[in-house]
Amino acid sequence: MTEAEIHATLTRIFREVFDDPTLVPTRAMAAADVPEWDSFNHVNLIVAAEMAFGVRFRPGEIDGMKNVGDFADLIARKTA
């Protein structure tokens, strides 16, 4: 899966989870940058990504993510 495909899918997921059709996640975007990004929506993001990309994340992997770029990189590793 290419970086562009991952980004496009993550964009769709973020827009659905946060109910914001204009949201454009960047690699540097973190939870603090999106007011609605609370623990509940964090879980929703993880579950939606697992379903969309056909992967499973371990708790340690999730804890290590600091921003969208880390999330995209983890997805890229898991779908390689």
N, C-alpha and C. Protein backbone atom coordinates (compact mmCIF):
# COMPACT_ATOMS: atom_id res chain seq x y z
N MET A 1 0.86 -1.18 0.00
CA MET A 1 0.00 0.00 0.00
C MET A 1 0.90 1.24 0.00
N THR A 2 0.57 2.18 -0.85
CA THR A 2 1.40 3.37 -0.95
C THR A 2 1.08 4.37 0.15
N GLU A 3 1.99 5.30 0.35
CA GLU A 3 1.78 6.36 1.34
C GLU A 3 0.54 7.17 0.99
N ALA A 4 0.33 7.43 -0.29
CA ALA A 4 -0.83 8.20 -0.73
C ALA A 4 -2.14 7.45 -0.44
N GLU A 5 -2.14 6.14 -0.64
CA GLU A 5 -3.33 5.34 -0.34
C GLU A 5 -3.62 5.33 1.16
N ILE A 6 -2.58 5.20 1.96
CA ILE A 6 -2.74 5.23 3.42
C ILE A 6 -3.30 6.59 3.84
N HIS A 7 -2.73 7.66 3.30
CA HIS A 7 -3.19 9.01 3.66
C HIS A 7 -4.63 9.22 3.26
N ALA A 8 -5.01 8.78 2.08
CA ALA A 8 -6.39 8.95 1.61
C ALA A 8 -7.37 8.20 2.51
N THR A 9 -7.00 6.99 2.89
CA THR A 9 -7.88 6.20 3.76
C THR A 9 -7.94 6.81 5.15
N LEU A 10 -6.80 7.26 5.68
CA LEU A 10 -6.81 7.91 6.99
C LEU A 10 -7.64 9.19 6.97
N THR A 11 -7.56 9.93 5.89
CA THR A 11 -8.35 11.16 5.77
C THR A 11 -9.84 10.83 5.85
N ARG A 12 -10.25 9.81 5.13
CA ARG A 12 -11.66 9.38 5.17
C ARG A 12 -12.06 8.97 6.59
N ILE A 13 -11.20 8.20 7.26
CA ILE A 13 -11.48 7.74 8.62
C ILE A 13 -11.59 8.93 9.57
N PHE A 14 -10.64 9.84 9.51
CA PHE A 14 -10.66 11.01 10.40
C PHE A 14 -11.92 11.83 10.17
N ARG A 15 -12.30 12.02 8.92
CA ARG A 15 -13.49 12.81 8.62
C ARG A 15 -14.75 12.14 9.16
N GLU A 16 -14.80 10.81 9.08
CA GLU A 16 -15.96 10.09 9.60
C GLU A 16 -16.00 10.12 11.12
N VAL A 17 -14.88 9.81 11.76
CA VAL A 17 -14.84 9.75 13.23
C VAL A 17 -15.14 11.11 13.85
N PHE A 18 -14.57 12.17 13.27
CA PHE A 18 -14.76 13.49 13.84
C PHE A 18 -15.91 14.26 13.20
N ASP A 19 -16.62 13.61 12.28
CA ASP A 19 -17.78 14.21 11.61
C ASP A 19 -17.45 15.60 11.08
N ASP A 20 -16.33 15.67 10.35
CA ASP A 20 -15.86 16.94 9.80
C ASP A 20 -15.35 16.69 8.38
N PRO A 21 -16.16 16.97 7.36
CA PRO A 21 -15.76 16.69 5.98
C PRO A 21 -14.60 17.55 5.47
N THR A 22 -14.20 18.55 6.23
CA THR A 22 -13.09 19.40 5.80
C THR A 22 -11.77 19.05 6.48
N LEU A 23 -11.80 18.13 7.43
CA LEU A 23 -10.60 17.79 8.18
C LEU A 23 -9.56 17.13 7.28
N VAL A 24 -8.34 17.64 7.32
CA VAL A 24 -7.23 17.07 6.55
C VAL A 24 -6.10 16.75 7.52
N PRO A 25 -5.96 15.48 7.88
CA PRO A 25 -4.89 15.12 8.81
C PRO A 25 -3.51 15.27 8.15
N THR A 26 -2.59 15.83 8.89
CA THR A 26 -1.21 15.95 8.43
C THR A 26 -0.35 15.02 9.27
N ARG A 27 0.86 14.77 8.82
CA ARG A 27 1.76 13.89 9.57
C ARG A 27 2.02 14.42 10.98
N ALA A 28 2.06 15.72 11.14
CA ALA A 28 2.38 16.32 12.44
C ALA A 28 1.16 16.46 13.35
N MET A 29 -0.03 16.26 12.82
CA MET A 29 -1.25 16.42 13.63
C MET A 29 -1.26 15.43 14.78
N ALA A 30 -1.61 15.94 15.96
CA ALA A 30 -1.71 15.11 17.16
C ALA A 30 -3.06 15.35 17.81
N ALA A 31 -3.37 14.57 18.82
CA ALA A 31 -4.65 14.68 19.50
C ALA A 31 -4.91 16.10 20.00
N ALA A 32 -3.89 16.77 20.47
CA ALA A 32 -4.06 18.14 20.99
C ALA A 32 -4.51 19.13 19.91
N ASP A 33 -4.33 18.77 18.65
CA ASP A 33 -4.70 19.66 17.55
C ASP A 33 -6.16 19.57 17.14
N VAL A 34 -6.87 18.55 17.64
CA VAL A 34 -8.27 18.34 17.28
C VAL A 34 -9.07 18.28 18.57
N PRO A 35 -9.88 19.31 18.85
CA PRO A 35 -10.61 19.37 20.12
C PRO A 35 -11.44 18.12 20.42
N GLU A 36 -12.01 17.50 19.40
CA GLU A 36 -12.85 16.33 19.60
C GLU A 36 -12.07 15.02 19.78
N TRP A 37 -10.74 15.10 19.68
CA TRP A 37 -9.92 13.88 19.76
C TRP A 37 -9.70 13.54 21.23
N ASP A 38 -10.68 12.86 21.79
CA ASP A 38 -10.60 12.40 23.17
C ASP A 38 -10.32 10.90 23.17
N SER A 39 -10.33 10.29 24.35
CA SER A 39 -10.01 8.87 24.44
C SER A 39 -11.03 8.01 23.71
N PHE A 40 -12.29 8.40 23.74
CA PHE A 40 -13.33 7.65 23.03
C PHE A 40 -13.08 7.68 21.52
N ASN A 41 -12.83 8.86 20.97
CA ASN A 41 -12.58 8.97 19.53
C ASN A 41 -11.24 8.36 19.15
N HIS A 42 -10.30 8.32 20.07
CA HIS A 42 -9.02 7.65 19.79
C HIS A 42 -9.28 6.16 19.54
N VAL A 43 -10.09 5.56 20.39
CA VAL A 43 -10.45 4.15 20.20
C VAL A 43 -11.19 3.97 18.88
N ASN A 44 -12.10 4.89 18.57
CA ASN A 44 -12.82 4.82 17.30
C ASN A 44 -11.88 4.88 16.10
N LEU A 45 -10.85 5.73 16.17
CA LEU A 45 -9.85 5.82 15.09
C LEU A 45 -9.12 4.50 14.93
N ILE A 46 -8.69 3.93 16.04
CA ILE A 46 -7.93 2.68 16.00
C ILE A 46 -8.77 1.56 15.39
N VAL A 47 -10.00 1.42 15.87
CA VAL A 47 -10.88 0.36 15.37
C VAL A 47 -11.20 0.56 13.89
N ALA A 48 -11.48 1.79 13.50
CA ALA A 48 -11.78 2.06 12.09
C ALA A 48 -10.58 1.77 11.21
N ALA A 49 -9.39 2.10 11.68
CA ALA A 49 -8.17 1.82 10.90
C ALA A 49 -7.93 0.32 10.80
N GLU A 50 -8.14 -0.39 11.89
CA GLU A 50 -7.97 -1.85 11.85
C GLU A 50 -8.90 -2.46 10.81
N MET A 51 -10.13 -2.01 10.78
CA MET A 51 -11.09 -2.55 9.81
C MET A 51 -10.73 -2.14 8.38
N ALA A 52 -10.38 -0.88 8.18
CA ALA A 52 -10.09 -0.38 6.83
C ALA A 52 -8.84 -1.00 6.23
N PHE A 53 -7.82 -1.20 7.07
CA PHE A 53 -6.54 -1.70 6.56
C PHE A 53 -6.35 -3.20 6.77
N GLY A 54 -7.28 -3.84 7.48
CA GLY A 54 -7.17 -5.28 7.71
C GLY A 54 -5.99 -5.65 8.60
N VAL A 55 -5.73 -4.84 9.61
CA VAL A 55 -4.61 -5.08 10.52
C VAL A 55 -5.12 -5.07 11.96
N ARG A 56 -4.24 -5.49 12.88
CA ARG A 56 -4.53 -5.41 14.31
C ARG A 56 -3.38 -4.69 14.98
N PHE A 57 -3.69 -3.80 15.89
CA PHE A 57 -2.67 -3.06 16.63
C PHE A 57 -2.57 -3.60 18.04
N ARG A 58 -1.34 -3.76 18.51
CA ARG A 58 -1.11 -4.15 19.89
C ARG A 58 -1.10 -2.90 20.76
N PRO A 59 -1.47 -3.03 22.03
CA PRO A 59 -1.49 -1.85 22.91
C PRO A 59 -0.16 -1.08 22.93
N GLY A 60 0.96 -1.78 22.92
CA GLY A 60 2.26 -1.10 22.92
C GLY A 60 2.49 -0.27 21.68
N GLU A 61 1.96 -0.73 20.56
CA GLU A 61 2.09 0.03 19.31
C GLU A 61 1.26 1.31 19.38
N ILE A 62 0.08 1.20 19.93
CA ILE A 62 -0.80 2.36 20.04
C ILE A 62 -0.21 3.39 20.99
N ASP A 63 0.33 2.91 22.11
CA ASP A 63 0.93 3.82 23.09
C ASP A 63 2.11 4.59 22.52
N GLY A 64 2.80 4.01 21.55
CA GLY A 64 3.98 4.64 20.98
C GLY A 64 3.68 5.71 19.93
N MET A 65 2.43 5.83 19.54
CA MET A 65 2.07 6.80 18.50
C MET A 65 1.93 8.20 19.11
N LYS A 66 2.62 9.16 18.52
CA LYS A 66 2.56 10.54 19.00
C LYS A 66 1.77 11.45 18.07
N ASN A 67 1.63 11.03 16.79
CA ASN A 67 0.94 11.88 15.81
C ASN A 67 0.46 11.02 14.65
N VAL A 68 -0.19 11.65 13.70
CA VAL A 68 -0.74 10.94 12.55
C VAL A 68 0.38 10.29 11.73
N GLY A 69 1.52 10.93 11.65
CA GLY A 69 2.65 10.35 10.92
C GLY A 69 3.08 9.02 11.51
N ASP A 70 3.14 8.93 12.84
CA ASP A 70 3.46 7.66 13.49
C ASP A 70 2.42 6.61 13.16
N PHE A 71 1.15 7.02 13.16
CA PHE A 71 0.04 6.11 12.85
C PHE A 71 0.18 5.60 11.42
N ALA A 72 0.43 6.50 10.47
CA ALA A 72 0.59 6.11 9.07
C ALA A 72 1.79 5.19 8.89
N ASP A 73 2.89 5.48 9.56
CA ASP A 73 4.08 4.63 9.46
C ASP A 73 3.81 3.23 9.99
N LEU A 74 3.08 3.14 11.09
CA LEU A 74 2.73 1.84 11.66
C LEU A 74 1.85 1.07 10.69
N ILE A 75 0.88 1.72 10.10
CA ILE A 75 0.03 1.08 9.12
C ILE A 75 0.85 0.59 7.93
N ALA A 76 1.78 1.42 7.47
CA ALA A 76 2.63 1.03 6.33
C ALA A 76 3.43 -0.23 6.65
N ARG A 77 3.98 -0.30 7.85
CA ARG A 77 4.74 -1.49 8.26
C ARG A 77 3.84 -2.72 8.31
N LYS A 78 2.65 -2.56 8.81
CA LYS A 78 1.76 -3.69 8.97
C LYS A 78 1.15 -4.16 7.64
N THR A 79 1.06 -3.28 6.67
CA THR A 79 0.47 -3.67 5.39
C THR A 79 1.52 -4.00 4.34
N ALA A 80 2.79 -3.90 4.71
CA ALA A 80 3.87 -4.18 3.75
C ALA A 80 3.94 -5.66 3.40
